[in-house]
Amino acid sequence: MQIHVVQRGESLWRIAQTYNSSIPSVVQANQIADPNQLVVGQSLVIPIWGSFYWIQPGDTLWAIGRRFGIPYTTIAQMNRINPESPLAIGLRLFIPPTPKRRAEINAYIEPRGSSVSPALLSDARSSGPYLTYLAPFSYEARRDGTLQAMPLQGIPEIAQETGASLMMVVTNLEGGQFSGELGRDILQSRGVQDLLLDNIIAETRRVGRYTDVHFDFEFLPGDQREAYNNFLRRAASRLRSEGLLISSALAPKTRADQPGQWYEAHDYRAHGEIVDFVVLMTYEWGYSGGPPMAVSPIGPVESVLRYALTEMPASKIMMGQNLYGYDWTLPYVQGGPYARAVSPQRAIELANQYRVSIQYDNQAQAPHFDYVDEQGRSHKVWFEDARSIQAKFDLVKRLGLRGVSYWKLGLAFPQNWLLIAENFDVIKR
């Protein structure tokens, strides 16, 4: 698989010819609406076996081999060149694909209202082959131990069709917000917890395809840290007796004593000991109510992951990844209008609509662009593309993590799924 960044003056025909591909293959892989309307700076995935690399000043075969994780002698052999000879700048090298590694992939799916929309089901069906888990979001725990059900119409059937198992997500959401006080009420009553677990187990038996129960309790008061740990210990015992896995979602911390109600009750070391795996919510540095910036800049993401590795094994860590970006109206004013969430495909459409080039921030490893709308308002868009996702996949592989967890389906990003297939053998349970 090749990632190509569109340059000024390039056509789809020229790009396809460069990589011995075809226009229909490139159009289908990237779901290009109009092959005659490419955006400068837009990244494209080219569905070919292996990839090509053009020699840059200062390159050596050894350095190129290290970059791609392939012995330099293999590159020399594949390209029929002498490994001891100088490299000509501009020479095109064929780089064979590296071996895939096994990984688990999860994606949350959030129905709105009382039913699951056909569009969301369609996205789940197309994404399912690339998923270990499909995670309906969410069952809401109540203060009396009951469980607020959610619409599932068609989701279990799609999971079965595509070989994905279901992850049952249980939250402390109340009125659309995470409630610390709701969490406290549950965690302070053994009887409420027992009834909640009874209801969770009953639902897993009713639905039949759940293999994991996932606790996403957020905004808990800091003094509930050990109470939450103890609840997870009881839950783990009950759920494992049913043949179920248990997992948890954790706020993105970089130290054990990180202050703030989003962080204090999340004990990385204890969760690493108690549950089968965790999802680290490594996104939302750039968020709808904050100033414009990358949603998941790679530096802060890696800092969270490296801290987590000091508290639990890599085999228990799933890196959280956003399937969306944000469109901010400028100037940013704290407490002002919220940014609008956009899919990667929609971001490219906006850049095309307003005839602006896409830039790439190498430090954040994220694409972005600016535009002015019909009302004369300035906008800033940060989103994800093939380059930013590949950078995260490289990080997952380098750190030996369990896999990747996406928030959330329903936002078009076809390149992502092709790159999953290129990088990983997805584990099916």
Protein backbone atom coordinates (compact mmCIF):
# COMPACT_ATOMS: atom_id res chain seq x y z
CA MET A 1 0.00 0.00 0.00
CA GLN A 2 1.36 3.38 -1.01
CA ILE A 3 0.45 6.71 0.57
CA HIS A 4 0.69 9.52 -1.98
CA VAL A 5 0.28 13.24 -1.27
CA VAL A 6 -1.27 15.15 -4.15
CA GLN A 7 1.00 17.85 -5.58
CA ARG A 8 -0.05 20.92 -7.55
CA GLY A 9 -0.79 20.07 -11.17
CA GLU A 10 -1.10 16.31 -10.65
CA SER A 11 -3.93 14.31 -12.18
CA LEU A 12 -5.36 11.01 -11.05
CA TRP A 13 -4.16 9.48 -14.32
CA ARG A 14 -0.59 10.56 -13.63
CA ILE A 15 -0.71 9.32 -10.04
CA ALA A 16 -2.07 5.92 -11.08
CA GLN A 17 0.60 5.58 -13.78
CA THR A 18 3.36 6.45 -11.29
CA TYR A 19 2.48 3.45 -9.17
CA ASN A 20 1.46 1.02 -11.90
CA SER A 21 -2.11 1.21 -10.63
CA SER A 22 -5.37 2.26 -12.29
CA ILE A 23 -7.75 5.18 -11.92
CA PRO A 24 -10.72 2.96 -10.89
CA SER A 25 -8.61 1.28 -8.17
CA VAL A 26 -7.52 4.61 -6.70
CA VAL A 27 -11.03 6.07 -6.93
CA GLN A 28 -12.55 3.07 -5.17
CA ALA A 29 -9.90 2.89 -2.43
CA ASN A 30 -10.34 6.56 -1.53
CA GLN A 31 -14.03 6.92 -2.43
CA ILE A 32 -13.23 9.94 -4.60
CA ALA A 33 -16.46 11.63 -5.63
CA ASP A 34 -14.99 13.49 -8.62
CA PRO A 35 -11.70 12.13 -10.07
CA ASN A 36 -11.11 15.51 -11.71
CA GLN A 37 -11.23 17.40 -8.41
CA LEU A 38 -8.19 16.47 -6.30
CA VAL A 39 -7.05 18.71 -3.45
CA VAL A 40 -3.42 19.79 -3.22
CA GLY A 41 -2.03 18.18 -0.05
CA GLN A 42 -4.70 15.46 0.00
CA SER A 43 -3.32 12.02 0.90
CA LEU A 44 -4.36 9.04 -1.18
CA VAL A 45 -3.84 5.36 -0.54
CA ILE A 46 -2.76 3.47 -3.65
CA PRO A 47 -3.78 -0.21 -3.42
CA ILE A 48 -0.60 -1.90 -4.63
CA TRP A 49 1.55 -4.68 -3.19
CA GLY A 50 4.41 -3.05 -1.31
CA SER A 51 5.32 0.57 -1.91
CA PHE A 52 7.82 2.81 -3.68
CA TYR A 53 10.40 5.18 -2.24
CA TRP A 54 12.41 7.85 -4.07
CA ILE A 55 16.01 8.40 -2.93
CA GLN A 56 16.56 11.70 -1.10
CA PRO A 57 19.88 13.48 -0.44
CA GLY A 58 21.77 11.76 2.37
CA ASP A 59 19.87 8.46 2.10
CA THR A 60 21.63 5.15 2.56
CA LEU A 61 20.22 1.67 2.01
CA TRP A 62 20.85 0.89 5.65
CA ALA A 63 18.84 3.93 6.81
CA ILE A 64 16.03 3.17 4.35
CA GLY A 65 15.89 -0.42 5.55
CA ARG A 66 15.71 0.73 9.16
CA ARG A 67 12.93 3.19 8.31
CA PHE A 68 10.79 0.49 6.72
CA GLY A 69 11.81 -2.35 9.05
CA ILE A 70 13.37 -4.39 6.23
CA PRO A 71 17.01 -5.60 5.89
CA TYR A 72 18.86 -3.32 3.50
CA THR A 73 20.17 -6.38 1.66
CA THR A 74 16.57 -7.39 0.89
CA ILE A 75 15.87 -3.95 -0.61
CA ALA A 76 19.03 -4.21 -2.70
CA GLN A 77 18.08 -7.67 -3.92
CA MET A 78 14.47 -6.68 -4.75
CA ASN A 79 15.72 -3.70 -6.77
CA ARG A 80 18.72 -5.48 -8.34
CA ILE A 81 21.26 -2.94 -7.13
CA ASN A 82 24.67 -3.31 -5.52
CA PRO A 83 24.26 -2.54 -1.77
CA GLU A 84 27.76 -1.03 -1.72
CA SER A 85 27.20 1.39 -4.62
CA PRO A 86 26.20 5.05 -4.09
CA LEU A 87 22.50 5.79 -4.47
CA ALA A 88 21.37 8.18 -7.20
CA ILE A 89 19.06 10.93 -5.91
CA GLY A 90 15.60 10.44 -7.37
CA LEU A 91 16.05 6.69 -7.93
CA ARG A 92 12.80 4.81 -7.32
CA LEU A 93 13.10 1.82 -5.01
CA PHE A 94 10.47 -0.85 -4.55
CA ILE A 95 9.88 -1.59 -0.86
CA PRO A 96 8.29 -5.00 -0.16
CA PRO A 97 5.54 -5.12 2.47
CA THR A 98 6.59 -5.88 6.02
CA PRO A 99 5.05 -8.85 7.85
CA LYS A 100 1.76 -8.05 9.55
CA ARG A 101 1.35 -8.40 13.28
CA ARG A 102 -1.74 -9.67 15.05
CA ALA A 103 -3.85 -7.01 16.76
CA GLU A 104 -7.28 -6.44 18.23
CA ILE A 105 -9.37 -3.63 16.77
CA ASN A 106 -12.45 -2.14 18.43
CA ALA A 107 -14.93 0.47 17.25
CA TYR A 108 -17.68 2.08 19.29
CA ILE A 109 -21.03 2.51 17.60
CA GLU A 110 -23.46 5.07 19.06
CA PRO A 111 -27.10 4.85 17.94
CA ARG A 112 -29.09 8.03 18.53
CA GLY A 113 -32.73 7.97 19.53
CA SER A 114 -34.80 4.83 19.78
CA SER A 115 -33.45 2.98 16.73
CA VAL A 116 -30.25 2.32 14.79
CA SER A 117 -30.13 4.29 11.55
CA PRO A 118 -29.62 2.47 8.23
CA ALA A 119 -26.52 4.60 7.56
CA LEU A 120 -24.93 3.54 10.85
CA LEU A 121 -25.73 -0.12 10.18
CA SER A 122 -24.20 0.21 6.72
CA ASP A 123 -20.99 1.63 8.22
CA ALA A 124 -20.89 -1.17 10.79
CA ARG A 125 -21.33 -3.76 8.04
CA SER A 126 -18.47 -2.36 5.94
CA SER A 127 -16.17 -1.93 8.97
CA GLY A 128 -17.01 -5.25 10.66
CA PRO A 129 -14.46 -7.37 8.76
CA TYR A 130 -11.69 -5.17 10.21
CA LEU A 131 -12.95 -5.40 13.80
CA THR A 132 -12.38 -7.73 16.71
CA TYR A 133 -15.09 -5.95 18.69
CA LEU A 134 -18.10 -3.86 17.79
CA ALA A 135 -19.03 -1.82 20.88
CA PRO A 136 -22.60 -0.44 21.14
CA PHE A 137 -22.48 2.74 23.23
CA SER A 138 -23.94 2.53 25.77
CA TYR A 139 -25.92 0.78 28.48
CA GLU A 140 -26.41 3.34 31.26
CA ALA A 141 -26.08 2.12 34.84
CA ARG A 142 -28.73 3.51 37.20
CA ARG A 143 -28.50 4.39 40.89
CA ASP A 144 -30.69 1.43 41.87
CA GLY A 145 -28.62 -1.13 39.94
CA THR A 146 -30.93 -1.31 36.92
CA LEU A 147 -29.56 -0.96 33.43
CA GLN A 148 -30.95 1.46 30.85
CA ALA A 149 -31.05 -0.54 27.63
CA MET A 150 -30.13 0.86 24.23
CA PRO A 151 -31.31 0.17 20.67
CA LEU A 152 -29.46 -2.72 19.06
CA GLN A 153 -31.61 -3.47 16.00
CA GLY A 154 -29.37 -5.14 13.44
CA ILE A 155 -26.08 -4.73 15.35
CA PRO A 156 -25.78 -8.33 16.67
CA GLU A 157 -26.68 -9.67 13.23
CA ILE A 158 -24.00 -7.55 11.55
CA ALA A 159 -21.44 -8.67 14.14
CA GLN A 160 -22.26 -12.29 13.33
CA GLU A 161 -22.09 -11.67 9.56
CA THR A 162 -18.68 -10.00 9.75
CA GLY A 163 -17.08 -12.18 12.42
CA ALA A 164 -16.89 -9.40 15.01
CA SER A 165 -17.83 -10.04 18.60
CA LEU A 166 -19.78 -7.52 20.66
CA MET A 167 -18.37 -5.44 23.50
CA MET A 168 -21.01 -4.44 26.04
CA VAL A 169 -20.27 -0.86 27.09
CA VAL A 170 -21.61 0.15 30.53
CA THR A 171 -21.38 3.82 31.52
CA ASN A 172 -22.26 6.22 34.31
CA LEU A 173 -24.03 8.54 31.88
CA GLU A 174 -27.06 10.38 33.19
CA GLY A 175 -28.96 12.98 31.18
CA GLY A 176 -26.35 12.83 28.45
CA GLN A 177 -23.43 13.62 30.80
CA PHE A 178 -21.02 11.49 32.82
CA SER A 179 -22.17 11.79 36.43
CA GLY A 180 -19.67 11.52 39.25
CA GLU A 181 -22.48 11.40 41.80
CA LEU A 182 -24.21 8.55 39.98
CA GLY A 183 -20.89 6.72 40.00
CA ARG A 184 -20.49 7.36 43.73
CA ASP A 185 -23.96 5.99 44.50
CA ILE A 186 -23.16 2.76 42.65
CA LEU A 187 -19.67 2.35 44.07
CA GLN A 188 -20.79 2.90 47.68
CA SER A 189 -23.44 0.18 47.69
CA ARG A 190 -22.54 -3.50 47.47
CA GLY A 191 -26.20 -4.37 46.93
CA VAL A 192 -26.53 -1.96 43.99
CA GLN A 193 -23.36 -3.36 42.44
CA ASP A 194 -24.59 -6.95 42.77
CA LEU A 195 -27.88 -6.08 41.10
CA LEU A 196 -26.08 -4.17 38.35
CA LEU A 197 -23.87 -7.16 37.63
CA ASP A 198 -26.93 -9.46 37.64
CA ASN A 199 -28.52 -7.23 35.01
CA ILE A 200 -25.35 -7.04 32.92
CA ILE A 201 -24.98 -10.80 32.87
CA ALA A 202 -28.65 -11.26 32.01
CA GLU A 203 -28.22 -8.94 29.02
CA THR A 204 -25.12 -10.76 27.76
CA ARG A 205 -27.06 -14.02 27.88
CA ARG A 206 -30.04 -12.47 26.09
CA VAL A 207 -28.03 -10.97 23.24
CA GLY A 208 -25.65 -13.88 22.91
CA ARG A 209 -22.69 -12.34 21.04
CA TYR A 210 -21.05 -10.35 23.83
CA THR A 211 -17.55 -11.55 24.64
CA ASP A 212 -16.43 -8.56 26.72
CA VAL A 213 -18.03 -6.20 29.24
CA HIS A 214 -16.46 -2.77 29.08
CA PHE A 215 -16.80 -0.27 31.94
CA ASP A 216 -16.53 3.37 30.93
CA PHE A 217 -17.05 5.19 34.22
CA GLU A 218 -15.82 8.76 33.84
CA PHE A 219 -15.72 11.95 35.93
CA LEU A 220 -15.66 9.92 39.15
CA PRO A 221 -14.70 11.80 42.32
CA GLY A 222 -11.08 11.19 43.26
CA ASP A 223 -12.06 9.63 46.59
CA GLN A 224 -13.81 6.82 44.65
CA ARG A 225 -10.56 5.48 43.23
CA GLU A 226 -10.28 2.41 45.46
CA ALA A 227 -14.05 1.85 45.45
CA TYR A 228 -13.92 1.68 41.65
CA ASN A 229 -10.99 -0.75 41.80
CA ASN A 230 -12.90 -2.98 44.20
CA PHE A 231 -16.01 -2.91 42.03
CA LEU A 232 -13.93 -4.00 39.03
CA ARG A 233 -12.47 -6.84 41.07
CA ARG A 234 -15.96 -8.10 41.93
CA ALA A 235 -17.10 -7.60 38.35
CA ALA A 236 -14.10 -9.51 37.00
CA SER A 237 -14.87 -12.51 39.21
CA ARG A 238 -18.54 -12.61 38.17
CA LEU A 239 -17.94 -12.00 34.47
CA ARG A 240 -15.09 -14.47 34.07
CA SER A 241 -17.25 -17.17 35.63
CA GLU A 242 -19.58 -16.53 32.67
CA GLY A 243 -16.71 -16.91 30.19
CA LEU A 244 -16.62 -13.15 29.52
CA LEU A 245 -13.70 -10.75 29.27
CA ILE A 246 -13.69 -7.50 31.22
CA SER A 247 -12.18 -4.21 30.05
CA SER A 248 -12.21 -0.56 31.07
CA ALA A 249 -11.78 2.87 29.52
CA LEU A 250 -9.16 5.16 31.02
CA ALA A 251 -8.62 8.90 30.75
CA PRO A 252 -5.29 9.90 29.13
CA LYS A 253 -2.86 10.27 32.04
CA THR A 254 0.89 10.81 32.05
CA ARG A 255 1.45 10.26 35.78
CA ALA A 256 -0.29 8.41 38.60
CA ASP A 257 -1.18 11.52 40.61
CA GLN A 258 -2.46 13.61 37.70
CA PRO A 259 -5.00 16.06 39.17
CA GLY A 260 -8.54 16.61 37.93
CA GLN A 261 -11.82 14.73 38.22
CA TRP A 262 -11.35 13.09 34.82
CA TYR A 263 -8.15 11.44 36.06
CA GLU A 264 -7.93 10.90 39.81
CA ALA A 265 -10.18 7.84 40.14
CA HIS A 266 -8.57 6.05 37.18
CA ASP A 267 -5.82 3.86 38.64
CA TYR A 268 -3.74 2.58 35.72
CA ARG A 269 -1.80 0.02 37.77
CA ALA A 270 -4.89 -1.46 39.41
CA HIS A 271 -6.83 -1.64 36.13
CA GLY A 272 -3.83 -3.30 34.51
CA GLU A 273 -3.92 -5.98 37.20
CA ILE A 274 -7.71 -6.45 37.32
CA VAL A 275 -9.10 -6.27 33.79
CA ASP A 276 -8.17 -8.15 30.63
CA PHE A 277 -7.41 -4.97 28.70
CA VAL A 278 -7.93 -1.22 28.75
CA VAL A 279 -8.85 1.41 26.17
CA LEU A 280 -6.83 4.58 26.65
CA MET A 281 -8.81 7.60 25.46
CA THR A 282 -5.88 9.16 23.63
CA TYR A 283 -7.80 11.84 21.79
CA GLU A 284 -9.59 15.16 22.38
CA TRP A 285 -6.55 17.37 22.92
CA GLY A 286 -8.25 19.39 20.24
CA TYR A 287 -11.91 19.30 21.27
CA SER A 288 -15.12 21.02 20.28
CA GLY A 289 -15.03 23.57 23.13
CA GLY A 290 -11.31 24.27 23.03
CA PRO A 291 -8.90 26.15 20.77
CA PRO A 292 -8.04 24.72 17.34
CA MET A 293 -5.40 21.99 17.43
CA ALA A 294 -4.90 18.38 16.37
CA VAL A 295 -7.40 16.03 18.04
CA SER A 296 -4.76 13.39 18.76
CA PRO A 297 -1.26 14.86 18.26
CA ILE A 298 1.23 12.02 18.24
CA GLY A 299 3.55 13.45 20.90
CA PRO A 300 0.96 13.64 23.69
CA VAL A 301 -0.50 10.30 22.57
CA GLU A 302 2.89 8.64 22.88
CA SER A 303 3.47 10.22 26.30
CA VAL A 304 0.24 8.64 27.61
CA LEU A 305 1.11 5.27 26.12
CA ARG A 306 4.61 5.30 27.57
CA TYR A 307 3.27 6.15 31.01
CA ALA A 308 0.73 3.32 30.71
CA LEU A 309 3.56 0.91 29.86
CA THR A 310 5.12 1.66 33.27
CA GLU A 311 1.90 0.48 34.95
CA MET A 312 0.70 -2.48 32.84
CA PRO A 313 1.89 -4.81 30.08
CA ALA A 314 1.64 -3.71 26.44
CA SER A 315 -0.58 -6.71 25.73
CA LYS A 316 -3.35 -5.06 27.78
CA ILE A 317 -3.28 -1.63 26.09
CA MET A 318 -5.53 -0.50 23.24
CA MET A 319 -4.70 2.94 21.89
CA GLY A 320 -7.76 5.13 21.44
CA GLN A 321 -8.09 6.80 18.05
CA ASN A 322 -10.58 9.36 16.72
CA LEU A 323 -12.37 8.85 13.40
CA TYR A 324 -13.18 12.55 13.12
CA GLY A 325 -11.79 16.06 13.13
CA TYR A 326 -13.18 19.50 14.00
CA ASP A 327 -14.04 22.64 12.06
CA TRP A 328 -13.54 25.74 14.25
CA THR A 329 -14.96 29.16 13.45
CA LEU A 330 -12.35 31.85 14.12
CA PRO A 331 -11.43 33.76 16.12
CA TYR A 332 -11.70 31.17 18.87
CA VAL A 333 -13.43 32.52 21.97
CA GLN A 334 -13.56 30.46 25.14
CA GLY A 335 -17.17 29.60 25.83
CA GLY A 336 -18.13 30.68 22.32
CA PRO A 337 -19.56 28.53 19.52
CA TYR A 338 -18.45 24.90 19.63
CA ALA A 339 -16.43 23.45 16.77
CA ARG A 340 -18.30 21.20 14.37
CA ALA A 341 -17.23 17.56 14.09
CA VAL A 342 -16.30 16.48 10.56
CA SER A 343 -15.31 13.15 9.04
CA PRO A 344 -12.03 12.92 7.14
CA GLN A 345 -14.02 12.63 3.91
CA ARG A 346 -16.03 15.74 4.75
CA ALA A 347 -12.83 17.64 5.56
CA ILE A 348 -11.50 16.89 2.07
CA GLU A 349 -14.82 18.00 0.58
CA LEU A 350 -14.54 21.31 2.46
CA ALA A 351 -10.99 21.90 1.22
CA ASN A 352 -12.16 21.15 -2.31
CA GLN A 353 -15.26 23.35 -1.97
CA TYR A 354 -13.25 26.37 -0.83
CA ARG A 355 -10.26 25.67 -3.10
CA VAL A 356 -7.64 25.55 -0.37
CA SER A 357 -4.62 23.30 0.02
CA ILE A 358 -4.24 20.81 2.85
CA GLN A 359 -1.18 21.32 5.05
CA TYR A 360 0.51 18.71 7.25
CA ASP A 361 1.97 19.34 10.70
CA ASN A 362 4.92 16.98 11.06
CA GLN A 363 5.24 17.54 14.79
CA ALA A 364 1.59 16.68 15.52
CA GLN A 365 1.47 14.24 12.58
CA ALA A 366 -1.90 15.64 11.54
CA PRO A 367 -3.38 17.43 8.49
CA HIS A 368 -5.09 20.82 8.67
CA PHE A 369 -6.26 23.73 6.52
CA ASP A 370 -7.91 27.17 6.70
CA TYR A 371 -10.81 28.54 4.69
CA VAL A 372 -13.23 31.47 4.58
CA ASP A 373 -16.94 30.67 4.22
CA GLU A 374 -19.65 32.51 2.26
CA GLN A 375 -20.37 34.78 5.23
CA GLY A 376 -16.73 35.89 5.39
CA ARG A 377 -16.00 33.87 8.54
CA SER A 378 -12.57 32.28 8.91
CA HIS A 379 -12.32 28.58 9.76
CA LYS A 380 -9.61 26.18 10.93
CA VAL A 381 -9.96 22.43 10.31
CA TRP A 382 -7.87 19.69 11.90
CA PHE A 383 -8.62 16.11 10.89
CA GLU A 384 -7.10 12.68 10.20
CA ASP A 385 -5.74 11.22 6.99
CA ALA A 386 -3.74 8.21 5.82
CA ARG A 387 -0.47 9.76 7.00
CA SER A 388 -1.66 10.50 10.51
CA ILE A 389 -3.24 7.06 10.90
CA GLN A 390 -0.14 5.28 9.59
CA ALA A 391 1.96 7.23 12.10
CA LYS A 392 -0.29 5.93 14.91
CA PHE A 393 -0.14 2.36 13.55
CA ASP A 394 3.65 2.58 13.50
CA LEU A 395 3.53 3.67 17.14
CA VAL A 396 1.26 0.75 18.09
CA LYS A 397 3.65 -1.68 16.41
CA ARG A 398 6.77 -0.08 17.86
CA LEU A 399 5.38 -0.25 21.40
CA GLY A 400 3.91 -3.74 20.94
CA LEU A 401 0.40 -2.73 22.02
CA ARG A 402 -2.69 -4.94 21.98
CA GLY A 403 -4.39 -2.85 19.30
CA VAL A 404 -6.54 0.16 18.47
CA SER A 405 -9.99 1.34 19.63
CA TYR A 406 -11.96 3.84 17.53
CA TRP A 407 -14.38 6.52 18.59
CA LYS A 408 -16.66 6.17 16.63
CA LEU A 409 -18.38 4.65 13.58
CA GLY A 410 -20.58 6.76 11.31
CA LEU A 411 -17.82 9.08 10.08
CA ALA A 412 -16.52 8.22 6.62
CA PHE A 413 -12.79 7.38 6.51
CA PRO A 414 -12.22 4.62 3.92
CA GLN A 415 -8.42 4.89 4.01
CA ASN A 416 -8.32 3.88 7.65
CA TRP A 417 -9.79 0.44 7.04
CA LEU A 418 -7.48 -0.30 4.11
CA LEU A 419 -4.50 0.61 6.28
CA ILE A 420 -5.71 -1.70 9.04
CA ALA A 421 -5.68 -4.56 6.53
CA GLU A 422 -2.22 -3.50 5.36
CA ASN A 423 -0.71 -3.34 8.86
CA PHE A 424 -2.50 -5.96 10.95
CA ASP A 425 -3.97 -9.42 11.00
CA VAL A 426 -7.13 -8.61 12.92
CA ILE A 427 -7.90 -11.10 15.67
CA LYS A 428 -11.43 -12.49 15.63
CA ARG A 429 -12.92 -13.94 18.81
